Amino acid sequence: MPTNSKTLSPAPDNFIVVIPSRGRIQLAVKSEQLFGSCNPVVCVSESEKDDYSRACKNVITHPDEVSGIGRIRAWILENFTQEVVVMADDDVSHVWCNMYRTGFAINNPNVVFEILANAANVTADLGLHVFGFSQALDVRKYNATKPINLTGWVGGLVGFVGRRDYKYSTNCLRADIDYCLQSLQEDRIIYQDNRYAFVHQRFGLSGGNSANRSMARDNEELKYLLLKWGRYLDAKVTDAGTLRLMVRVVRKAKSILLQA
């Protein structure tokens, strides 16, 4: 894991963490602290600026009509000039290290910056655009022989190096899946570091993107994604009754056994 965190400098001017938030001031305050060494900015609608400014250190607003995670992410990429933009959900509470026997939580802002900076540097060196981390905080699901995934999708925290011609969809739900598939189509791979997971609560909280969520919209946007991406996106209901969407993009050649 990252070491010597006390010697790290704050994030450079070309690196920023943007925390989109809506109706979750206390969560945004905690998330801002976690990313304290990463030039964090809390991004809210203009109508919520005064409320957030009383609690958060650095608040930037987007127009009220920009609503839904897809539109907000698109607005951020268009309006921030930093080369590396990391968007973190406002309910990200800590980082979980999937390595070692039991794993452990990371709350040190300097270490968090080092984890993000390492991923951004690797992504830039590979000439890629999107990077992220594991969405499973469970050492039993971590494969030490495959610490990096190149073909999945990332969410909760999504990093971007540079900009691309393709855009975020206007969908309010699951916009990250569509964007990652576009990135796989353009760049062929993304960079997903499964050694770490940025822990957040996907469902069950008020505020945030929950105002845009409904059964009808969920079904409509799921149908759109499955129709658009066909065999490259698979929807499966788990034993626990949770819908799981899996990217089915293959970038690894099949092994061939050669006989003498």
Protein backbone atom coordinates (compact mmCIF):
# COMPACT_ATOMS: atom_id res chain seq x y z
CA MET A 1 0.00 0.00 0.00
CA PRO A 2 1.12 3.65 -0.27
CA THR A 3 3.71 4.65 2.31
CA ASN A 4 5.43 7.81 3.55
CA SER A 5 2.13 9.68 3.43
CA LYS A 6 3.43 12.46 5.70
CA THR A 7 5.88 13.56 2.99
CA LEU A 8 3.27 14.02 0.27
CA SER A 9 2.51 17.44 -1.15
CA PRO A 10 -1.04 18.64 -1.85
CA ALA A 11 -2.49 17.83 -5.24
CA PRO A 12 -1.05 19.89 -8.13
CA ASP A 13 -3.08 22.52 -9.95
CA ASN A 14 -3.93 20.13 -12.78
CA PHE A 15 -5.62 17.66 -10.39
CA ILE A 16 -8.98 18.11 -8.66
CA VAL A 17 -11.61 16.08 -6.84
CA VAL A 18 -15.18 17.26 -7.47
CA ILE A 19 -17.92 16.06 -5.12
CA PRO A 20 -21.39 16.47 -6.67
CA SER A 21 -23.96 16.76 -3.89
CA ARG A 22 -27.64 17.42 -3.39
CA GLY A 23 -29.43 17.66 -0.05
CA ARG A 24 -26.59 15.94 1.82
CA ILE A 25 -24.58 18.65 3.51
CA GLN A 26 -23.20 16.56 6.35
CA LEU A 27 -22.10 13.78 4.02
CA ALA A 28 -20.42 16.31 1.75
CA VAL A 29 -18.50 17.74 4.73
CA LYS A 30 -17.13 14.30 5.63
CA SER A 31 -16.27 13.52 2.01
CA GLU A 32 -14.50 16.87 1.69
CA GLN A 33 -12.37 15.92 4.70
CA LEU A 34 -11.49 12.52 3.25
CA PHE A 35 -10.24 14.16 0.05
CA GLY A 36 -8.62 17.05 1.91
CA SER A 37 -5.26 16.64 0.14
CA CYS A 38 -6.84 16.49 -3.35
CA ASN A 39 -8.08 20.05 -3.97
CA PRO A 40 -11.69 18.99 -3.19
CA VAL A 41 -14.61 21.05 -4.46
CA VAL A 42 -18.25 20.43 -3.56
CA CYS A 43 -20.46 20.99 -6.62
CA VAL A 44 -24.12 21.84 -5.93
CA SER A 45 -27.02 23.55 -7.65
CA GLU A 46 -27.23 27.34 -7.42
CA SER A 47 -30.28 27.12 -5.16
CA GLU A 48 -28.30 25.17 -2.54
CA LYS A 49 -25.16 27.32 -2.55
CA ASP A 50 -25.90 29.27 0.64
CA ASP A 51 -26.74 26.17 2.70
CA TYR A 52 -23.61 24.30 1.59
CA SER A 53 -21.32 27.32 1.90
CA ARG A 54 -22.03 27.51 5.62
CA ALA A 55 -20.60 24.03 6.13
CA CYS A 56 -18.20 23.22 3.27
CA LYS A 57 -14.89 24.94 2.58
CA ASN A 58 -15.05 25.17 -1.22
CA VAL A 59 -18.38 25.22 -3.05
CA ILE A 60 -18.95 25.66 -6.79
CA THR A 61 -22.41 25.75 -8.34
CA HIS A 62 -24.00 24.40 -11.48
CA PRO A 63 -27.30 25.69 -12.93
CA ASP A 64 -30.43 24.36 -11.25
CA GLU A 65 -31.64 22.90 -14.51
CA VAL A 66 -28.59 20.62 -14.67
CA SER A 67 -30.03 17.60 -12.88
CA GLY A 68 -29.29 13.89 -12.92
CA ILE A 69 -25.86 12.31 -12.63
CA GLY A 70 -25.26 12.13 -16.39
CA ARG A 71 -25.93 15.84 -16.97
CA ILE A 72 -23.96 16.86 -13.87
CA ARG A 73 -20.90 14.81 -14.85
CA ALA A 74 -21.03 16.25 -18.38
CA TRP A 75 -21.26 19.78 -16.96
CA ILE A 76 -18.25 19.19 -14.69
CA LEU A 77 -16.09 17.85 -17.52
CA GLU A 78 -17.00 20.84 -19.67
CA ASN A 79 -16.47 23.50 -17.01
CA PHE A 80 -13.40 22.35 -15.08
CA THR A 81 -10.06 22.90 -16.79
CA GLN A 82 -7.84 20.55 -14.77
CA GLU A 83 -6.23 17.73 -16.75
CA VAL A 84 -7.24 15.17 -14.10
CA VAL A 85 -10.78 15.39 -12.75
CA VAL A 86 -11.96 12.88 -10.15
CA MET A 87 -15.68 12.81 -9.33
CA ALA A 88 -16.54 11.27 -5.99
CA ASP A 89 -20.03 10.60 -4.66
CA ASP A 90 -20.81 12.68 -1.60
CA ASP A 91 -21.41 9.54 0.48
CA VAL A 92 -17.90 8.14 0.01
CA SER A 93 -16.87 7.56 3.63
CA HIS A 94 -13.44 5.90 3.39
CA VAL A 95 -11.18 3.74 1.25
CA TRP A 96 -11.04 -0.01 1.78
CA CYS A 97 -7.86 -1.92 1.05
CA ASN A 98 -8.72 -5.33 -0.41
CA MET A 99 -5.18 -6.65 -0.06
CA TYR A 100 -3.81 -8.79 2.75
CA ARG A 101 -5.76 -11.36 4.78
CA THR A 102 -8.47 -9.20 6.30
CA GLY A 103 -8.26 -5.84 4.52
CA PHE A 104 -8.51 -2.53 6.33
CA ALA A 105 -9.95 0.99 6.12
CA ILE A 106 -7.94 4.02 4.99
CA ASN A 107 -8.99 7.49 6.17
CA ASN A 108 -5.75 9.46 5.83
CA PRO A 109 -6.28 12.21 3.20
CA ASN A 110 -2.62 12.07 2.14
CA VAL A 111 -2.81 8.34 1.48
CA VAL A 112 -6.09 8.82 -0.39
CA PHE A 113 -4.38 11.36 -2.64
CA GLU A 114 -1.48 9.00 -3.28
CA ILE A 115 -3.86 6.22 -4.31
CA LEU A 116 -5.67 8.55 -6.72
CA ALA A 117 -2.48 10.10 -8.08
CA ASN A 118 -0.98 6.68 -8.78
CA ALA A 119 -4.08 5.60 -10.73
CA ALA A 120 -4.15 8.89 -12.66
CA ASN A 121 -0.46 8.60 -13.57
CA VAL A 122 -0.85 5.03 -14.82
CA THR A 123 -3.93 6.02 -16.83
CA ALA A 124 -2.07 8.94 -18.40
CA ASP A 125 1.00 6.81 -19.17
CA LEU A 126 -1.22 4.28 -20.96
CA GLY A 127 -2.90 7.03 -22.98
CA LEU A 128 -6.30 6.21 -21.44
CA HIS A 129 -9.15 8.40 -20.24
CA VAL A 130 -11.15 6.65 -17.50
CA PHE A 131 -9.92 5.16 -14.24
CA GLY A 132 -11.54 3.89 -11.08
CA PHE A 133 -11.46 1.26 -8.39
CA SER A 134 -13.12 -1.92 -7.18
CA GLN A 135 -16.78 -1.75 -6.24
CA ALA A 136 -16.41 -4.77 -3.94
CA LEU A 137 -15.02 -4.24 -0.45
CA ASP A 138 -14.44 -7.91 0.27
CA VAL A 139 -11.04 -9.57 0.33
CA ARG A 140 -12.70 -12.87 -0.62
CA LYS A 141 -13.62 -11.36 -3.99
CA TYR A 142 -10.17 -9.88 -4.59
CA ASN A 143 -7.97 -11.84 -6.96
CA ALA A 144 -4.31 -11.12 -6.18
CA THR A 145 -3.32 -12.52 -9.57
CA LYS A 146 -5.56 -9.96 -11.29
CA PRO A 147 -5.28 -6.73 -9.28
CA ILE A 148 -6.10 -4.58 -12.31
CA ASN A 149 -9.22 -4.87 -14.44
CA LEU A 150 -9.24 -3.38 -17.93
CA THR A 151 -12.77 -3.97 -19.19
CA GLY A 152 -15.34 -3.34 -16.45
CA TRP A 153 -17.15 -0.21 -15.41
CA VAL A 154 -16.48 2.07 -12.48
CA GLY A 155 -18.81 4.08 -10.26
CA GLY A 156 -19.01 5.83 -6.92
CA LEU A 157 -15.70 7.43 -7.78
CA VAL A 158 -14.72 7.97 -11.41
CA GLY A 159 -11.48 9.55 -12.61
CA PHE A 160 -10.86 11.21 -15.96
CA VAL A 161 -7.57 12.12 -17.64
CA GLY A 162 -8.05 14.66 -20.40
CA ARG A 163 -11.26 14.87 -22.42
CA ARG A 164 -12.80 12.87 -25.24
CA ASP A 165 -15.26 13.68 -28.03
CA TYR A 166 -17.93 11.37 -26.62
CA LYS A 167 -20.15 12.69 -23.86
CA TYR A 168 -22.09 11.51 -20.86
CA SER A 169 -25.65 10.54 -21.73
CA THR A 170 -28.52 12.58 -20.35
CA ASN A 171 -29.73 9.54 -18.42
CA CYS A 172 -30.26 10.19 -14.73
CA LEU A 173 -29.39 6.62 -13.73
CA ARG A 174 -26.48 4.31 -14.64
CA ALA A 175 -24.79 6.99 -16.76
CA ASP A 176 -21.36 5.74 -15.67
CA ILE A 177 -21.96 2.36 -17.31
CA ASP A 178 -22.76 3.97 -20.65
CA TYR A 179 -19.72 6.27 -20.43
CA CYS A 180 -17.35 3.44 -19.56
CA LEU A 181 -18.63 1.41 -22.50
CA GLN A 182 -18.01 4.40 -24.76
CA SER A 183 -14.50 4.60 -23.34
CA LEU A 184 -13.96 0.90 -24.01
CA GLN A 185 -15.15 1.45 -27.56
CA GLU A 186 -12.80 4.42 -28.10
CA ASP A 187 -9.72 3.51 -26.03
CA ARG A 188 -10.31 -0.27 -25.87
CA ILE A 189 -9.53 -0.44 -22.14
CA ILE A 190 -10.04 1.48 -18.92
CA TYR A 191 -7.93 1.32 -15.75
CA GLN A 192 -9.63 -0.19 -12.68
CA ASP A 193 -7.47 -0.79 -9.61
CA ASN A 194 -9.13 -3.58 -7.64
CA ARG A 195 -6.70 -3.30 -4.73
CA TYR A 196 -8.80 -0.45 -3.34
CA ALA A 197 -12.49 0.39 -3.07
CA PHE A 198 -13.95 3.79 -2.30
CA VAL A 199 -16.77 2.85 0.04
CA HIS A 200 -20.15 4.50 -0.48
CA GLN A 201 -23.78 3.62 0.10
CA ARG A 202 -25.37 3.14 -3.30
CA PHE A 203 -29.00 2.99 -2.20
CA GLY A 204 -31.15 3.87 0.79
CA LEU A 205 -30.11 7.50 1.37
CA SER A 206 -32.26 10.56 0.80
CA GLY A 207 -30.99 13.41 -1.36
CA GLY A 208 -28.41 12.89 -4.06
CA ASN A 209 -29.71 11.24 -7.20
CA SER A 210 -32.64 9.63 -5.37
CA ALA A 211 -34.93 12.47 -6.48
CA ASN A 212 -34.51 11.27 -10.06
CA ARG A 213 -35.04 7.61 -9.27
CA SER A 214 -38.35 5.82 -9.89
CA MET A 215 -39.33 2.34 -10.98
CA ALA A 216 -40.58 3.63 -14.34
CA ARG A 217 -37.41 5.61 -15.06
CA ASP A 218 -35.21 2.77 -13.87
CA ASN A 219 -36.89 0.32 -16.26
CA GLU A 220 -36.86 2.80 -19.14
CA GLU A 221 -33.16 3.61 -18.83
CA LEU A 222 -32.21 -0.04 -18.31
CA LYS A 223 -34.07 -0.92 -21.50
CA TYR A 224 -32.20 1.87 -23.31
CA LEU A 225 -28.79 0.60 -22.15
CA LEU A 226 -29.48 -3.02 -23.04
CA LEU A 227 -30.78 -2.03 -26.47
CA LYS A 228 -27.83 0.30 -27.14
CA TRP A 229 -25.05 -2.07 -26.06
CA GLY A 230 -26.60 -5.45 -26.81
CA ARG A 231 -24.34 -8.42 -26.06
CA TYR A 232 -21.72 -6.20 -24.45
CA LEU A 233 -23.93 -5.54 -21.41
CA ASP A 234 -25.61 -8.24 -19.36
CA ALA A 235 -28.31 -7.79 -16.72
CA LYS A 236 -28.64 -10.41 -14.01
CA VAL A 237 -30.72 -10.61 -10.83
CA THR A 238 -28.67 -12.03 -7.95
CA ASP A 239 -29.92 -14.48 -5.32
CA ALA A 240 -30.44 -11.50 -3.02
CA GLY A 241 -32.79 -9.92 -5.58
CA THR A 242 -30.36 -7.18 -6.64
CA LEU A 243 -29.99 -6.27 -10.30
CA ARG A 244 -26.38 -6.59 -11.42
CA LEU A 245 -25.12 -5.15 -14.69
CA MET A 246 -21.96 -6.71 -16.11
CA VAL A 247 -19.85 -5.47 -19.00
CA ARG A 248 -19.08 -8.30 -21.44
CA VAL A 249 -16.18 -6.78 -23.37
CA VAL A 250 -13.27 -9.13 -24.05
CA ARG A 251 -9.78 -7.71 -24.53
CA LYS A 252 -7.73 -10.77 -23.64
CA ALA A 253 -6.77 -13.40 -26.19
CA LYS A 254 -7.79 -16.95 -25.40
CA SER A 255 -5.03 -19.21 -24.17
CA ILE A 256 -3.82 -21.75 -26.74
CA LEU A 257 -2.20 -24.96 -25.63
CA LEU A 258 0.63 -25.86 -27.97
CA GLN A 259 1.60 -29.47 -28.26
CA ALA A 260 5.13 -30.56 -29.06
